[in-house]
C-alpha cells in the first residue's frame, strides 16, 4: 500500500510557493440521449446517468442524486486515506455507506415548502485501524473539515446556469 504523506507534503509545498497553482477547475458536460438517459463526459471518462423504469426510463445507470452520494462516499474515502497518512494515523481500510433522504413532493411540485433535493444525508464510515479512539476522532474531524464534496454539500454556493437557444 502506498504512503501518501510525501504526496501531501509535496502538494502543500507547491501550493505555499505557487499561489498561481491553487485554483482547481473541474468540468462535466452532459447530453440527454433518450428518455431520461444522459451521457456525461468528464476528463476522458464517460458515464451514463438514467432514471429507473418506474420513472419511465430504462435504468441503464444511476440517477443524478445517486452520483452525488457516490461522489460523497468516494471523496470521503480518499480524504481519509490522504489525511491518515499525513497525520501518521494507522488506517488499513476505509469504506463509506451513505443514504440520501428526500421528499418526492418537492420534485413533483406538490408543495413549495419541500425542497426538490436531499433534506438529509446519513451514513457510516467503517475503518480498520490499530489507532487509538482519540487518533481516529482527530482523523474524523480533519476529514470532515477537508473533504471537498462534503464541503460542497454543506455550504451554499453560487451556481449560475445560463439558458442558450441552439439553432
C-alpha atoms as a PDB file:
ATOM      1  CA  UNK A   1       0.000   0.000   0.000  1.00  0.00           C
ATOM      2  CA  UNK A   2       1.291   3.437  -0.949  1.00  0.00           C
ATOM      3  CA  UNK A   3       2.004   6.042   1.718  1.00  0.00           C
ATOM      4  CA  UNK A   4       0.554   9.428   0.780  1.00  0.00           C
ATOM      5  CA  UNK A   5       2.319  11.503   3.433  1.00  0.00           C
ATOM      6  CA  UNK A   6       5.025  12.575   0.957  1.00  0.00           C
ATOM      7  CA  UNK A   7       2.438  13.456  -1.679  1.00  0.00           C
ATOM      8  CA  UNK A   8       0.519  15.529   0.879  1.00  0.00           C
ATOM      9  CA  UNK A   9       3.648  17.404   1.972  1.00  0.00           C
ATOM     10  CA  UNK A  10       4.756  17.912  -1.650  1.00  0.00           C
ATOM     11  CA  UNK A  11       1.360  19.374  -2.650  1.00  0.00           C
ATOM     12  CA  UNK A  12       1.358  21.653   0.402  1.00  0.00           C
ATOM     13  CA  UNK A  13       4.824  22.936  -0.535  1.00  0.00           C
ATOM     14  CA  UNK A  14       3.800  23.627  -4.143  1.00  0.00           C
ATOM     15  CA  UNK A  15       0.660  25.462  -3.051  1.00  0.00           C
ATOM     16  CA  UNK A  16       2.557  27.542  -0.466  1.00  0.00           C
ATOM     17  CA  UNK A  17       5.154  28.635  -3.014  1.00  0.00           C
ATOM     18  CA  UNK A  18       2.985  28.858  -6.141  1.00  0.00           C
ATOM     19  CA  UNK A  19      -0.277  30.709  -5.474  1.00  0.00           C
ATOM     20  CA  UNK A  20      -0.973  30.525  -9.220  1.00  0.00           C
ATOM     21  CA  UNK A  21      -1.402  26.747  -8.796  1.00  0.00           C
ATOM     22  CA  UNK A  22      -4.140  26.916  -6.150  1.00  0.00           C
ATOM     23  CA  UNK A  23      -7.138  27.263  -8.495  1.00  0.00           C
ATOM     24  CA  UNK A  24      -8.686  23.917  -9.411  1.00  0.00           C
ATOM     25  CA  UNK A  25     -11.334  23.661 -12.112  1.00  0.00           C
ATOM     26  CA  UNK A  26     -13.255  20.524 -12.949  1.00  0.00           C
ATOM     27  CA  UNK A  27     -15.999  20.272 -15.512  1.00  0.00           C
ATOM     28  CA  UNK A  28     -18.577  17.917 -16.902  1.00  0.00           C
ATOM     29  CA  UNK A  29     -20.784  18.032 -19.959  1.00  0.00           C
ATOM     30  CA  UNK A  30     -23.960  16.059 -20.398  1.00  0.00           C
ATOM     31  CA  UNK A  31     -26.343  15.324 -23.247  1.00  0.00           C
ATOM     32  CA  UNK A  32     -29.799  13.804 -22.895  1.00  0.00           C
ATOM     33  CA  UNK A  33     -29.800  10.968 -25.446  1.00  0.00           C
ATOM     34  CA  UNK A  34     -33.062   9.083 -24.918  1.00  0.00           C
ATOM     35  CA  UNK A  35     -35.893   9.365 -22.437  1.00  0.00           C
ATOM     36  CA  UNK A  36     -34.186  10.375 -19.208  1.00  0.00           C
ATOM     37  CA  UNK A  37     -30.815   8.788 -20.094  1.00  0.00           C
ATOM     38  CA  UNK A  38     -27.850  11.149 -20.318  1.00  0.00           C
ATOM     39  CA  UNK A  39     -24.277  10.597 -21.388  1.00  0.00           C
ATOM     40  CA  UNK A  40     -21.924  12.614 -19.203  1.00  0.00           C
ATOM     41  CA  UNK A  41     -18.289  13.335 -20.039  1.00  0.00           C
ATOM     42  CA  UNK A  42     -15.648  14.492 -17.608  1.00  0.00           C
ATOM     43  CA  UNK A  43     -11.953  14.436 -18.477  1.00  0.00           C
ATOM     44  CA  UNK A  44     -11.502  11.231 -20.536  1.00  0.00           C
ATOM     45  CA  UNK A  45     -14.409   9.398 -18.908  1.00  0.00           C
ATOM     46  CA  UNK A  46     -17.993   8.887 -19.959  1.00  0.00           C
ATOM     47  CA  UNK A  47     -20.724   7.756 -17.604  1.00  0.00           C
ATOM     48  CA  UNK A  48     -24.398   7.045 -18.075  1.00  0.00           C
ATOM     49  CA  UNK A  49     -26.969   8.729 -15.887  1.00  0.00           C
ATOM     50  CA  UNK A  50     -30.537   7.458 -16.054  1.00  0.00           C
ATOM     51  CA  UNK A  51     -33.734   7.007 -14.113  1.00  0.00           C
ATOM     52  CA  UNK A  52     -35.356   3.742 -13.046  1.00  0.00           C
ATOM     53  CA  UNK A  53     -38.131   2.091 -15.006  1.00  0.00           C
ATOM     54  CA  UNK A  54     -40.758   3.310 -12.511  1.00  0.00           C
ATOM     55  CA  UNK A  55     -39.855   6.828 -13.715  1.00  0.00           C
ATOM     56  CA  UNK A  56     -40.437   5.852 -17.341  1.00  0.00           C
ATOM     57  CA  UNK A  57     -36.823   5.309 -18.265  1.00  0.00           C
ATOM     58  CA  UNK A  58     -34.502   2.379 -18.973  1.00  0.00           C
ATOM     59  CA  UNK A  59     -32.482   2.110 -15.715  1.00  0.00           C
ATOM     60  CA  UNK A  60     -29.162   1.962 -17.568  1.00  0.00           C
ATOM     61  CA  UNK A  61     -27.271   3.947 -14.958  1.00  0.00           C
ATOM     62  CA  UNK A  62     -27.540   5.594 -11.551  1.00  0.00           C
ATOM     63  CA  UNK A  63     -29.769   8.623 -11.008  1.00  0.00           C
ATOM     64  CA  UNK A  64     -28.045  12.015 -10.689  1.00  0.00           C
ATOM     65  CA  UNK A  65     -28.711  12.035  -6.935  1.00  0.00           C
ATOM     66  CA  UNK A  66     -27.060   8.621  -6.627  1.00  0.00           C
ATOM     67  CA  UNK A  67     -23.939  10.062  -8.249  1.00  0.00           C
ATOM     68  CA  UNK A  68     -23.989  12.825  -5.633  1.00  0.00           C
ATOM     69  CA  UNK A  69     -23.952  10.169  -2.901  1.00  0.00           C
ATOM     70  CA  UNK A  70     -21.275   8.168  -4.736  1.00  0.00           C
ATOM     71  CA  UNK A  71     -19.136  11.309  -5.016  1.00  0.00           C
ATOM     72  CA  UNK A  72     -19.510  11.974  -1.294  1.00  0.00           C
ATOM     73  CA  UNK A  73     -18.628   8.397  -0.337  1.00  0.00           C
ATOM     74  CA  UNK A  74     -15.597   8.157  -2.627  1.00  0.00           C
ATOM     75  CA  UNK A  75     -14.309  11.634  -1.752  1.00  0.00           C
ATOM     76  CA  UNK A  76     -14.590  10.837   1.939  1.00  0.00           C
ATOM     77  CA  UNK A  77     -12.577   7.643   1.438  1.00  0.00           C
ATOM     78  CA  UNK A  78      -9.844   9.497  -0.471  1.00  0.00           C
ATOM     79  CA  UNK A  79      -9.717  12.182   2.207  1.00  0.00           C
ATOM     80  CA  UNK A  80      -9.490   9.559   4.970  1.00  0.00           C
ATOM     81  CA  UNK A  81      -6.632   7.817   3.158  1.00  0.00           C
ATOM     82  CA  UNK A  82      -4.708  11.030   2.488  1.00  0.00           C
ATOM     83  CA  UNK A  83      -5.158  12.529   5.944  1.00  0.00           C
ATOM     84  CA  UNK A  84      -4.490   9.274   7.803  1.00  0.00           C
ATOM     85  CA  UNK A  85      -1.102   9.049   6.125  1.00  0.00           C
ATOM     86  CA  UNK A  86      -0.383  12.772   6.543  1.00  0.00           C
ATOM     87  CA  UNK A  87      -1.267  12.590  10.256  1.00  0.00           C
ATOM     88  CA  UNK A  88       0.568   9.270  10.678  1.00  0.00           C
ATOM     89  CA  UNK A  89      -2.595   7.506  11.850  1.00  0.00           C
ATOM     90  CA  UNK A  90      -2.873   3.801  11.065  1.00  0.00           C
ATOM     91  CA  UNK A  91      -5.617   3.118   8.523  1.00  0.00           C
ATOM     92  CA  UNK A  92      -5.729  -0.297   6.931  1.00  0.00           C
ATOM     93  CA  UNK A  93      -9.048   0.225   5.141  1.00  0.00           C
ATOM     94  CA  UNK A  94     -11.971   2.608   4.910  1.00  0.00           C
ATOM     95  CA  UNK A  95     -15.440   2.178   3.440  1.00  0.00           C
ATOM     96  CA  UNK A  96     -18.285   4.684   3.378  1.00  0.00           C
ATOM     97  CA  UNK A  97     -22.015   3.978   3.145  1.00  0.00           C
ATOM     98  CA  UNK A  98     -24.379   6.917   2.662  1.00  0.00           C
ATOM     99  CA  UNK A  99     -28.110   7.331   2.185  1.00  0.00           C
ATOM    100  CA  UNK A 100     -29.877  10.445   0.993  1.00  0.00           C
ATOM    101  CA  UNK A 101     -33.425  11.175   2.083  1.00  0.00           C
ATOM    102  CA  UNK A 102     -35.712  13.376   0.028  1.00  0.00           C
ATOM    103  CA  UNK A 103     -39.422  14.001  -0.363  1.00  0.00           C
ATOM    104  CA  UNK A 104     -40.700  13.443  -3.924  1.00  0.00           C
ATOM    105  CA  UNK A 105     -43.366  16.135  -3.447  1.00  0.00           C
ATOM    106  CA  UNK A 106     -40.616  18.746  -3.883  1.00  0.00           C
ATOM    107  CA  UNK A 107     -39.500  17.418  -7.275  1.00  0.00           C
ATOM    108  CA  UNK A 108     -43.074  16.956  -8.497  1.00  0.00           C
ATOM    109  CA  UNK A 109     -44.160  20.492  -7.438  1.00  0.00           C
ATOM    110  CA  UNK A 110     -46.760  19.402  -4.897  1.00  0.00           C
ATOM    111  CA  UNK A 111     -45.534  21.596  -2.048  1.00  0.00           C
ATOM    112  CA  UNK A 112     -43.398  24.734  -2.449  1.00  0.00           C
ATOM    113  CA  UNK A 113     -42.095  24.353   1.106  1.00  0.00           C
ATOM    114  CA  UNK A 114     -40.470  20.987   0.368  1.00  0.00           C
ATOM    115  CA  UNK A 115     -37.041  21.060  -1.313  1.00  0.00           C
ATOM    116  CA  UNK A 116     -36.547  19.053  -4.507  1.00  0.00           C
ATOM    117  CA  UNK A 117     -33.263  17.563  -3.323  1.00  0.00           C
ATOM    118  CA  UNK A 118     -31.982  15.791  -0.262  1.00  0.00           C
ATOM    119  CA  UNK A 119     -33.162  17.073   3.084  1.00  0.00           C
ATOM    120  CA  UNK A 120     -30.747  14.787   4.880  1.00  0.00           C
ATOM    121  CA  UNK A 121     -27.787  12.517   4.209  1.00  0.00           C
ATOM    122  CA  UNK A 122     -26.823   9.908   6.783  1.00  0.00           C
ATOM    123  CA  UNK A 123     -24.106   7.323   6.720  1.00  0.00           C
ATOM    124  CA  UNK A 124     -21.325   5.381   8.331  1.00  0.00           C
ATOM    125  CA  UNK A 125     -17.592   5.282   7.865  1.00  0.00           C
ATOM    126  CA  UNK A 126     -16.127   1.863   8.544  1.00  0.00           C
ATOM    127  CA  UNK A 127     -12.421   1.766   9.282  1.00  0.00           C
ATOM    128  CA  UNK A 128      -9.939  -0.960  10.031  1.00  0.00           C
ATOM    129  CA  UNK A 129      -7.226   0.532  12.205  1.00  0.00           C
ATOM    130  CA  UNK A 130      -4.977  -0.077  15.201  1.00  0.00           C
ATOM    131  CA  UNK A 131      -5.107   3.654  16.036  1.00  0.00           C
ATOM    132  CA  UNK A 132      -6.481   4.891  19.330  1.00  0.00           C
ATOM    133  CA  UNK A 133     -10.015   6.238  19.560  1.00  0.00           C
ATOM    134  CA  UNK A 134      -8.533   9.705  20.126  1.00  0.00           C
ATOM    135  CA  UNK A 135      -6.476   9.490  16.922  1.00  0.00           C
ATOM    136  CA  UNK A 136      -9.461   8.249  14.932  1.00  0.00           C
ATOM    137  CA  UNK A 137     -11.516  11.150  16.259  1.00  0.00           C
ATOM    138  CA  UNK A 138      -8.760  13.603  15.216  1.00  0.00           C
ATOM    139  CA  UNK A 139      -8.811  11.984  11.795  1.00  0.00           C
ATOM    140  CA  UNK A 140     -12.613  12.172  11.553  1.00  0.00           C
ATOM    141  CA  UNK A 141     -12.565  15.873  12.404  1.00  0.00           C
ATOM    142  CA  UNK A 142      -9.820  16.571   9.841  1.00  0.00           C
ATOM    143  CA  UNK A 143     -11.681  14.665   7.125  1.00  0.00           C
ATOM    144  CA  UNK A 144     -14.973  16.416   7.888  1.00  0.00           C
ATOM    145  CA  UNK A 145     -13.164  19.749   7.607  1.00  0.00           C
ATOM    146  CA  UNK A 146     -11.255  18.997   4.393  1.00  0.00           C
ATOM    147  CA  UNK A 147     -13.422  16.658   2.271  1.00  0.00           C
ATOM    148  CA  UNK A 148     -14.286  18.753  -0.821  1.00  0.00           C
ATOM    149  CA  UNK A 149     -17.580  17.054  -1.670  1.00  0.00           C
ATOM    150  CA  UNK A 150     -18.778  17.182   1.940  1.00  0.00           C
ATOM    151  CA  UNK A 151     -17.883  20.882   1.942  1.00  0.00           C
ATOM    152  CA  UNK A 152     -19.813  21.402  -1.318  1.00  0.00           C
ATOM    153  CA  UNK A 153     -22.903  19.743   0.130  1.00  0.00           C
ATOM    154  CA  UNK A 154     -22.794  21.614   3.434  1.00  0.00           C
ATOM    155  CA  UNK A 155     -22.493  25.177   2.208  1.00  0.00           C
ATOM    156  CA  UNK A 156     -24.500  27.352  -0.113  1.00  0.00           C
ATOM    157  CA  UNK A 157     -22.554  28.390  -3.185  1.00  0.00           C
ATOM    158  CA  UNK A 158     -23.081  30.483  -6.260  1.00  0.00           C
ATOM    159  CA  UNK A 159     -24.413  28.389  -9.144  1.00  0.00           C
ATOM    160  CA  UNK A 160     -25.304  30.043 -12.440  1.00  0.00           C
ATOM    161  CA  UNK A 161     -26.667  28.027 -15.348  1.00  0.00           C
ATOM    162  CA  UNK A 162     -27.417  30.138 -18.419  1.00  0.00           C
ATOM    163  CA  UNK A 163     -30.016  29.024 -20.958  1.00  0.00           C
ATOM    164  CA  UNK A 164     -28.838  29.234 -24.580  1.00  0.00           C
ATOM    165  CA  UNK A 165     -31.019  28.530 -27.582  1.00  0.00           C
ATOM    166  CA  UNK A 166     -29.411  26.244 -30.185  1.00  0.00           C
ATOM    167  CA  UNK A 167     -30.080  26.620 -33.901  1.00  0.00           C
END
